[in-house]
Amino acid sequence: MKTFLDWSAYDTYGMGDAYSGIPATGGNYAKAVAVCMHSRDCQHEGKGVMCPSYRITGDRAHSTEARVASFKAALNGEYGDKSFDDPRLAESMDLCVSCKACKKECPSSVDMTLIKTEYLAQRHEIMGVPRRTCIFGGLPHWAGRYRGLLRLMIKLRNSSAALAKLAESWFGITSRRPLPALAPKAFSGAAVSGEGERGEVILFVDTFCHHFDPEIAEAATTILTTAGYKVRIAKPAPDDAEPDRPLCCGRTFLTTGMVESARHEGKRVLAAFRSEIENKTPIIGLEPSCLLSLRDELYSMGLGAEVGDLGKQLYLLEEFLVREHTRGLRLPLKPLNLPKALLHGHCHQKAFGVMKATRKVLTWIPEFKFDLIESSCCGMAGSFGLEAEHYDASLKMAEISLLPAVRAEAEAPIIANGFSCRHQIEHGAGRPSRHIALLLRDALAVG
């Protein structure tokens, strides 16, 4: 079986294990599926994220364990020769939001997010890539090449119920929520800023911060320069075929199964950072799913050993600040005179253990108090909440605990680092939420 991702990490899985139940076909991909040992931790409703689809349905069919069973059936030939286009497999995967929780919370670390990416790539090979998938997955290209036109189209669609209905009819994009609007101007930070008495860092400005929320990248630059770092904005390599298009982690392509496009973005990133790998320059990101994709999914692209070296230099902003705090960094912060805040963690922040650093940094702000919202996935999950057939499921996920917690504290500022999370909170509760970089910038006692 030809696979689109590199599954060699699972090569030795199941050796000597009589209970692994590895499917007959699929090679190492089949071994990745077979890591499930049926603990059924994916079928509970307590603390944690896993599994959002089971939580809203109460139906085992929408759990990680059941999805594994479907893949085993498909790889054992029970669904026919071209099993990846079988409706039974599609139904099993329908409500999977690629939250990464199973990799963290499952005792066997089932990586259903990556398994789903391979599934979608296989399905596209048989059936072609749907138009809506091209629209959502290709966002970095549309925003990078046709920004003005895309901004105008989104503005017109959001202001016209008729156009929203038309987009739903043509592309399956729900008319019941607005599309995120591009900022009037994209991020245009200086190539280098700051004196750099504490050294040099690179700021990786993802597609969402670059085109939708440039204020976040600007705030991060201010924080890092105030902390004493020379900040360079990540740029494509000099020989990049698209030198004017910002670097992209490839996340939108991965989640939609457009693996070759994701691999192309991965190659651009590696080319841009090749000398930085050698110099061990810290690379700092802002959007959890983007930065953490580079630290995790990039391994599956088959791009060589450099990926591992690069991963050691990648930090979310709060992770880097906490690391540097142990080396003597002290940000000059002042009280904000705000009510007790609410903190919502992006699924990937939780899956990769970043929330500890997020909470730690917030305690540096004098007199600042906050409560962590115990929540599963917000339900927006990239394009999932924009898909007409998934709109109701998306809001049900948010209503498990996130939106009720937000409504219960009407005066509380809300902190949410995830782009999708912020839009779900605003749409579902009518409340704005802010990235931690904006909060820290406002708390700086200088400038």
Foldseek 3Di string as FASTA:
>chain_A
DDFQWALCVQQPAPVVPPQQLQAPDDHSLSSLLSLDPPPCPLQDDDFFFHPLVCNLVVDPLQTSVVLSVLVSCLSNQVCHDLNLQRVSNCVSCVQGLQLQRQLFPPPSNRNVQQSVLRSLLSNCVVVNAAPLLCVQLVVLVCCQPVVVVVLVLLVVLQVDLVNLVVCCVPRQFHSQARDQHWDPAFADDDQKDAPAPVEEAEEQEAPCCGTRNVVLVVLLVVQQRLLRYIYGYQFWAPPDPCRRRGQHCSLSCSSNNVLVVNLVSLVRVCNSCVVVLVVLHAYEYQALSGLVCLLPVSNGNPPDPSSPSVNVRYYYSLRVVVVCVVVPGQFAFEAPPADAAEEEERSSCVSVVVVVSVVVVQVSHPPHHYDYFRAHHCLQSRPQCRRNVRVVSSNSRNVSTPQVVCQVCVRHAYEYRHPSNQSSNCRNNVHGHYHVSVVRSVGGPDD
